[in-house]
Amino acid sequence: MEEASASSFKIILGSSSMPRRKILAEMGYEFTIMAADIDEKVIRKEKPEELVMAIAEAKADSIVSKLQTTDSEPMNAEPTILITADTVVVYEGAIREKPSSSEEARQFIKGYSGGQCATVGSVLVTNLKTGFRKGEWDRVEIHFYEIPDETIEKLIEEGVVLNVAGGLIIEHPLILPYVKQVVGTMDSVMGLPKAPTEKLIKEAL
């Protein structure tokens, strides 16, 4: 049953994030990738839940308008599902996006050491054929042991923490030993919560 339904529609993942690709592939879907060219910094909301939903919407709008100008094949019998997502880190009530510098990344990670933060992530599914669009958000709390300074320096040197919200990458082998507790799912922290994504794809079809 799954096989038949999986091949009767196309999926576009509106993100170039490696963890999101990995999660969607783990869910058993084949998909193409299309990144949205938007300036996330111009989208501002007070609440993290509203911000991640607004950014996922903006990404979807950007990709839809790109497809309208470049898509030569008509939207034929096969429905196409577009998935967009966004994640921010919330620390002591403040929203954190990607660090603007190594110094800011260092400050972010030092703050998590022996403390806690949360990720708020959104997923938005659009059926490009019917126009159906629905999204959900998810919150996960992460508690840390003390993170040694040398570990923080190694992470910054490597540079990958500069490309993720809040400089937070808990699945990284350097950080994983210092993660005390995750209240919620790892896939949500990594950028694509599986359960809501699965549910929304089914609803969109």
C-alpha atoms as a PDB file:
ATOM      1  CA  MET A   1       0.000   0.000   0.000  1.00  0.00           C
ATOM      2  CA  GLU A   2       2.720   2.431   1.020  1.00  0.00           C
ATOM      3  CA  GLU A   3       4.672   1.715  -2.156  1.00  0.00           C
ATOM      4  CA  ALA A   4       1.735   2.520  -4.397  1.00  0.00           C
ATOM      5  CA  SER A   5       0.938   5.735  -2.596  1.00  0.00           C
ATOM      6  CA  ALA A   6       4.596   6.740  -2.453  1.00  0.00           C
ATOM      7  CA  SER A   7       4.993   6.559  -6.204  1.00  0.00           C
ATOM      8  CA  SER A   8       1.723   8.303  -7.081  1.00  0.00           C
ATOM      9  CA  PHE A   9       2.938  11.745  -6.083  1.00  0.00           C
ATOM     10  CA  LYS A  10       6.117  13.774  -6.204  1.00  0.00           C
ATOM     11  CA  ILE A  11       7.801  15.486  -3.278  1.00  0.00           C
ATOM     12  CA  ILE A  12       9.899  18.629  -3.374  1.00  0.00           C
ATOM     13  CA  LEU A  13      11.894  19.368  -0.226  1.00  0.00           C
ATOM     14  CA  GLY A  14      12.210  23.132  -0.019  1.00  0.00           C
ATOM     15  CA  SER A  15      15.500  23.050   1.862  1.00  0.00           C
ATOM     16  CA  SER A  16      19.154  22.353   1.173  1.00  0.00           C
ATOM     17  CA  SER A  17      19.737  21.251   4.789  1.00  0.00           C
ATOM     18  CA  MET A  18      21.556  17.906   4.974  1.00  0.00           C
ATOM     19  CA  PRO A  19      19.808  16.769   8.202  1.00  0.00           C
ATOM     20  CA  ARG A  20      16.375  17.478   6.657  1.00  0.00           C
ATOM     21  CA  ARG A  21      17.304  15.489   3.536  1.00  0.00           C
ATOM     22  CA  LYS A  22      18.470  12.626   5.718  1.00  0.00           C
ATOM     23  CA  ILE A  23      15.280  12.594   7.802  1.00  0.00           C
ATOM     24  CA  LEU A  24      12.972  12.650   4.762  1.00  0.00           C
ATOM     25  CA  ALA A  25      14.982   9.831   3.141  1.00  0.00           C
ATOM     26  CA  GLU A  26      14.752   7.845   6.405  1.00  0.00           C
ATOM     27  CA  MET A  27      10.974   8.232   6.183  1.00  0.00           C
ATOM     28  CA  GLY A  28      11.156   6.298   2.917  1.00  0.00           C
ATOM     29  CA  TYR A  29      10.400   9.122   0.505  1.00  0.00           C
ATOM     30  CA  GLU A  30      12.106   9.991  -2.748  1.00  0.00           C
ATOM     31  CA  PHE A  31      12.253  13.711  -3.428  1.00  0.00           C
ATOM     32  CA  THR A  32      13.876  16.514  -5.324  1.00  0.00           C
ATOM     33  CA  ILE A  33      15.446  19.517  -3.643  1.00  0.00           C
ATOM     34  CA  MET A  34      14.745  23.153  -4.249  1.00  0.00           C
ATOM     35  CA  ALA A  35      16.077  25.872  -1.960  1.00  0.00           C
ATOM     36  CA  ALA A  36      14.132  29.057  -1.313  1.00  0.00           C
ATOM     37  CA  ASP A  37      16.066  32.283  -1.783  1.00  0.00           C
ATOM     38  CA  ILE A  38      14.615  34.430   0.928  1.00  0.00           C
ATOM     39  CA  ASP A  39      16.114  36.797   3.452  1.00  0.00           C
ATOM     40  CA  GLU A  40      14.906  35.267   6.712  1.00  0.00           C
ATOM     41  CA  LYS A  41      16.123  38.281   8.682  1.00  0.00           C
ATOM     42  CA  VAL A  42      13.388  40.504   7.260  1.00  0.00           C
ATOM     43  CA  ILE A  43      10.692  38.248   8.716  1.00  0.00           C
ATOM     44  CA  ARG A  44      10.210  39.200  12.361  1.00  0.00           C
ATOM     45  CA  LYS A  45       7.697  37.849  14.879  1.00  0.00           C
ATOM     46  CA  GLU A  46       7.568  38.113  18.658  1.00  0.00           C
ATOM     47  CA  LYS A  47       6.815  34.447  19.287  1.00  0.00           C
ATOM     48  CA  PRO A  48       9.150  31.677  18.059  1.00  0.00           C
ATOM     49  CA  GLU A  49       6.163  29.538  16.955  1.00  0.00           C
ATOM     50  CA  GLU A  50       4.886  32.379  14.767  1.00  0.00           C
ATOM     51  CA  LEU A  51       8.355  33.093  13.387  1.00  0.00           C
ATOM     52  CA  VAL A  52       9.092  29.528  12.244  1.00  0.00           C
ATOM     53  CA  MET A  53       5.655  29.238  10.648  1.00  0.00           C
ATOM     54  CA  ALA A  54       6.040  32.596   8.850  1.00  0.00           C
ATOM     55  CA  ILE A  55       9.488  31.621   7.517  1.00  0.00           C
ATOM     56  CA  ALA A  56       8.236  28.218   6.310  1.00  0.00           C
ATOM     57  CA  GLU A  57       5.370  30.055   4.528  1.00  0.00           C
ATOM     58  CA  ALA A  58       7.783  32.532   2.930  1.00  0.00           C
ATOM     59  CA  LYS A  59      10.013  29.668   1.731  1.00  0.00           C
ATOM     60  CA  ALA A  60       6.980  27.922   0.212  1.00  0.00           C
ATOM     61  CA  ASP A  61       5.799  31.133  -1.506  1.00  0.00           C
ATOM     62  CA  SER A  62       9.268  31.713  -2.953  1.00  0.00           C
ATOM     63  CA  ILE A  63       9.491  28.165  -4.364  1.00  0.00           C
ATOM     64  CA  VAL A  64       5.932  28.245  -5.730  1.00  0.00           C
ATOM     65  CA  SER A  65       6.654  31.477  -7.615  1.00  0.00           C
ATOM     66  CA  LYS A  66       9.931  30.004  -8.965  1.00  0.00           C
ATOM     67  CA  LEU A  67       8.071  26.932 -10.192  1.00  0.00           C
ATOM     68  CA  GLN A  68       5.450  29.076 -11.900  1.00  0.00           C
ATOM     69  CA  THR A  69       8.132  30.884 -13.899  1.00  0.00           C
ATOM     70  CA  THR A  70      10.362  27.890 -14.675  1.00  0.00           C
ATOM     71  CA  ASP A  71       8.046  24.911 -14.834  1.00  0.00           C
ATOM     72  CA  SER A  72       7.484  23.958 -18.434  1.00  0.00           C
ATOM     73  CA  GLU A  73       5.729  20.677 -17.684  1.00  0.00           C
ATOM     74  CA  PRO A  74       2.056  21.169 -16.849  1.00  0.00           C
ATOM     75  CA  MET A  75       0.846  20.097 -13.418  1.00  0.00           C
ATOM     76  CA  ASN A  76      -0.523  16.887 -14.864  1.00  0.00           C
ATOM     77  CA  ALA A  77      -2.233  13.980 -13.108  1.00  0.00           C
ATOM     78  CA  GLU A  78       0.535  13.611 -10.576  1.00  0.00           C
ATOM     79  CA  PRO A  79       0.188  15.721  -7.426  1.00  0.00           C
ATOM     80  CA  THR A  80       3.328  17.408  -6.128  1.00  0.00           C
ATOM     81  CA  ILE A  81       3.847  17.966  -2.421  1.00  0.00           C
ATOM     82  CA  LEU A  82       6.156  20.784  -1.331  1.00  0.00           C
ATOM     83  CA  ILE A  83       7.647  20.538   2.173  1.00  0.00           C
ATOM     84  CA  THR A  84       9.210  23.604   3.804  1.00  0.00           C
ATOM     85  CA  ALA A  85      10.474  23.931   7.355  1.00  0.00           C
ATOM     86  CA  ASP A  86      12.287  26.225   9.744  1.00  0.00           C
ATOM     87  CA  THR A  87      13.875  25.877  13.182  1.00  0.00           C
ATOM     88  CA  VAL A  88      15.007  28.386  15.783  1.00  0.00           C
ATOM     89  CA  VAL A  89      16.558  27.934  19.208  1.00  0.00           C
ATOM     90  CA  VAL A  90      14.989  29.586  22.249  1.00  0.00           C
ATOM     91  CA  TYR A  91      17.321  30.386  25.144  1.00  0.00           C
ATOM     92  CA  GLU A  92      16.066  32.177  28.268  1.00  0.00           C
ATOM     93  CA  GLY A  93      13.109  33.423  26.285  1.00  0.00           C
ATOM     94  CA  ALA A  94      15.178  34.894  23.425  1.00  0.00           C
ATOM     95  CA  ILE A  95      15.001  33.602  19.842  1.00  0.00           C
ATOM     96  CA  ARG A  96      18.346  32.565  18.367  1.00  0.00           C
ATOM     97  CA  GLU A  97      18.970  32.116  14.679  1.00  0.00           C
ATOM     98  CA  LYS A  98      22.290  31.279  12.980  1.00  0.00           C
ATOM     99  CA  PRO A  99      25.240  32.881  14.794  1.00  0.00           C
ATOM    100  CA  SER A 100      26.587  35.961  13.001  1.00  0.00           C
ATOM    101  CA  SER A 101      30.194  35.229  14.010  1.00  0.00           C
ATOM    102  CA  SER A 102      32.467  32.704  15.754  1.00  0.00           C
ATOM    103  CA  GLU A 103      32.319  34.897  18.857  1.00  0.00           C
ATOM    104  CA  GLU A 104      28.522  34.762  18.933  1.00  0.00           C
ATOM    105  CA  ALA A 105      28.558  30.970  18.370  1.00  0.00           C
ATOM    106  CA  ARG A 106      30.979  30.604  21.295  1.00  0.00           C
ATOM    107  CA  GLN A 107      28.754  32.750  23.516  1.00  0.00           C
ATOM    108  CA  PHE A 108      25.669  30.715  22.510  1.00  0.00           C
ATOM    109  CA  ILE A 109      27.255  27.325  23.279  1.00  0.00           C
ATOM    110  CA  LYS A 110      28.795  28.512  26.567  1.00  0.00           C
ATOM    111  CA  GLY A 111      25.289  29.539  27.595  1.00  0.00           C
ATOM    112  CA  TYR A 112      23.914  26.016  27.024  1.00  0.00           C
ATOM    113  CA  SER A 113      26.705  24.472  29.131  1.00  0.00           C
ATOM    114  CA  GLY A 114      25.156  23.108  32.323  1.00  0.00           C
ATOM    115  CA  GLY A 115      21.845  24.653  31.315  1.00  0.00           C
ATOM    116  CA  GLN A 116      19.042  24.201  28.853  1.00  0.00           C
ATOM    117  CA  CYS A 117      17.472  25.564  25.700  1.00  0.00           C
ATOM    118  CA  ALA A 118      14.636  24.593  23.376  1.00  0.00           C
ATOM    119  CA  THR A 119      14.163  24.257  19.652  1.00  0.00           C
ATOM    120  CA  VAL A 120      10.962  25.369  17.976  1.00  0.00           C
ATOM    121  CA  GLY A 121      10.541  23.906  14.527  1.00  0.00           C
ATOM    122  CA  SER A 122       7.883  24.170  11.864  1.00  0.00           C
ATOM    123  CA  VAL A 123       6.885  22.005   8.940  1.00  0.00           C
ATOM    124  CA  LEU A 124       4.567  23.242   6.186  1.00  0.00           C
ATOM    125  CA  VAL A 125       3.130  21.025   3.473  1.00  0.00           C
ATOM    126  CA  THR A 126       1.680  22.464   0.259  1.00  0.00           C
ATOM    127  CA  ASN A 127      -0.091  20.429  -2.417  1.00  0.00           C
ATOM    128  CA  LEU A 128       0.926  22.321  -5.568  1.00  0.00           C
ATOM    129  CA  LYS A 129      -1.938  20.827  -7.546  1.00  0.00           C
ATOM    130  CA  THR A 130      -4.855  21.536  -5.202  1.00  0.00           C
ATOM    131  CA  GLY A 131      -3.404  24.509  -3.333  1.00  0.00           C
ATOM    132  CA  PHE A 132      -3.958  22.766   0.029  1.00  0.00           C
ATOM    133  CA  ARG A 133      -1.520  24.110   2.599  1.00  0.00           C
ATOM    134  CA  LYS A 134      -1.156  23.272   6.260  1.00  0.00           C
ATOM    135  CA  GLY A 135       1.593  23.540   8.836  1.00  0.00           C
ATOM    136  CA  GLU A 136       2.426  22.582  12.387  1.00  0.00           C
ATOM    137  CA  TRP A 137       5.098  23.507  14.885  1.00  0.00           C
ATOM    138  CA  ASP A 138       6.870  21.449  17.487  1.00  0.00           C
ATOM    139  CA  ARG A 139       8.929  22.307  20.578  1.00  0.00           C
ATOM    140  CA  VAL A 140      11.721  20.225  22.104  1.00  0.00           C
ATOM    141  CA  GLU A 141      13.615  20.943  25.334  1.00  0.00           C
ATOM    142  CA  ILE A 142      17.306  20.060  25.606  1.00  0.00           C
ATOM    143  CA  HIS A 143      19.241  19.868  28.879  1.00  0.00           C
ATOM    144  CA  PHE A 144      23.065  19.860  28.961  1.00  0.00           C
ATOM    145  CA  TYR A 145      25.881  18.816  31.250  1.00  0.00           C
ATOM    146  CA  GLU A 146      28.838  21.210  31.488  1.00  0.00           C
ATOM    147  CA  ILE A 147      30.508  21.504  28.059  1.00  0.00           C
ATOM    148  CA  PRO A 148      34.324  21.858  28.277  1.00  0.00           C
ATOM    149  CA  ASP A 149      35.857  24.956  26.669  1.00  0.00           C
ATOM    150  CA  GLU A 150      38.129  22.847  24.457  1.00  0.00           C
ATOM    151  CA  THR A 151      35.073  21.069  23.011  1.00  0.00           C
ATOM    152  CA  ILE A 152      33.482  24.428  22.246  1.00  0.00           C
ATOM    153  CA  GLU A 153      36.680  25.623  20.543  1.00  0.00           C
ATOM    154  CA  LYS A 154      36.860  22.451  18.417  1.00  0.00           C
ATOM    155  CA  LEU A 155      33.267  22.936  17.315  1.00  0.00           C
ATOM    156  CA  ILE A 156      33.916  26.550  16.343  1.00  0.00           C
ATOM    157  CA  GLU A 157      37.105  25.680  14.507  1.00  0.00           C
ATOM    158  CA  GLU A 158      35.223  23.066  12.504  1.00  0.00           C
ATOM    159  CA  GLY A 159      32.698  25.757  11.558  1.00  0.00           C
ATOM    160  CA  VAL A 160      29.537  23.703  11.181  1.00  0.00           C
ATOM    161  CA  VAL A 161      27.910  25.359  14.238  1.00  0.00           C
ATOM    162  CA  LEU A 162      27.999  28.678  12.369  1.00  0.00           C
ATOM    163  CA  ASN A 163      25.416  27.363   9.886  1.00  0.00           C
ATOM    164  CA  VAL A 164      22.777  26.173  12.321  1.00  0.00           C
ATOM    165  CA  ALA A 165      20.176  27.981  14.430  1.00  0.00           C
ATOM    166  CA  GLY A 166      21.566  28.942  17.827  1.00  0.00           C
ATOM    167  CA  GLY A 167      24.901  27.270  16.987  1.00  0.00           C
ATOM    168  CA  LEU A 168      23.159  24.128  18.267  1.00  0.00           C
ATOM    169  CA  ILE A 169      23.948  20.728  16.769  1.00  0.00           C
ATOM    170  CA  ILE A 170      23.197  18.067  19.379  1.00  0.00           C
ATOM    171  CA  GLU A 171      23.718  15.065  17.098  1.00  0.00           C
ATOM    172  CA  HIS A 172      27.383  16.082  16.594  1.00  0.00           C
ATOM    173  CA  PRO A 173      29.809  13.507  18.110  1.00  0.00           C
ATOM    174  CA  LEU A 174      31.580  16.279  20.066  1.00  0.00           C
ATOM    175  CA  ILE A 175      28.363  17.528  21.692  1.00  0.00           C
ATOM    176  CA  LEU A 176      26.363  14.317  22.084  1.00  0.00           C
ATOM    177  CA  PRO A 177      28.185  13.174  25.282  1.00  0.00           C
ATOM    178  CA  TYR A 178      27.156  16.441  26.987  1.00  0.00           C
ATOM    179  CA  VAL A 179      23.456  16.145  26.166  1.00  0.00           C
ATOM    180  CA  LYS A 180      21.771  15.232  29.442  1.00  0.00           C
ATOM    181  CA  GLN A 181      18.161  14.945  28.280  1.00  0.00           C
ATOM    182  CA  VAL A 182      16.046  15.618  25.205  1.00  0.00           C
ATOM    183  CA  VAL A 183      12.346  16.147  25.919  1.00  0.00           C
ATOM    184  CA  GLY A 184      10.915  15.514  22.476  1.00  0.00           C
ATOM    185  CA  THR A 185      12.282  13.931  19.291  1.00  0.00           C
ATOM    186  CA  MET A 186      15.765  14.206  17.777  1.00  0.00           C
ATOM    187  CA  ASP A 187      14.346  14.599  14.256  1.00  0.00           C
ATOM    188  CA  SER A 188      12.521  17.740  15.366  1.00  0.00           C
ATOM    189  CA  VAL A 189      15.751  19.211  16.785  1.00  0.00           C
ATOM    190  CA  MET A 190      17.518  18.356  13.506  1.00  0.00           C
ATOM    191  CA  GLY A 191      14.964  20.308  11.498  1.00  0.00           C
ATOM    192  CA  LEU A 192      12.131  18.030  10.384  1.00  0.00           C
ATOM    193  CA  PRO A 193       9.740  16.422  12.896  1.00  0.00           C
ATOM    194  CA  LYS A 194       8.769  13.064  11.350  1.00  0.00           C
ATOM    195  CA  ALA A 195       5.323  12.514  12.884  1.00  0.00           C
ATOM    196  CA  PRO A 196       3.779  15.887  11.901  1.00  0.00           C
ATOM    197  CA  THR A 197       5.432  15.680   8.459  1.00  0.00           C
ATOM    198  CA  GLU A 198       3.936  12.242   7.815  1.00  0.00           C
ATOM    199  CA  LYS A 199       0.504  13.377   9.042  1.00  0.00           C
ATOM    200  CA  LEU A 200       0.510  16.547   6.920  1.00  0.00           C
ATOM    201  CA  ILE A 201       1.583  14.675   3.752  1.00  0.00           C
ATOM    202  CA  LYS A 202      -1.378  12.300   4.211  1.00  0.00           C
ATOM    203  CA  GLU A 203      -3.755  15.225   4.808  1.00  0.00           C
ATOM    204  CA  ALA A 204      -2.427  17.062   1.750  1.00  0.00           C
ATOM    205  CA  LEU A 205      -3.179  14.073  -0.457  1.00  0.00           C
END
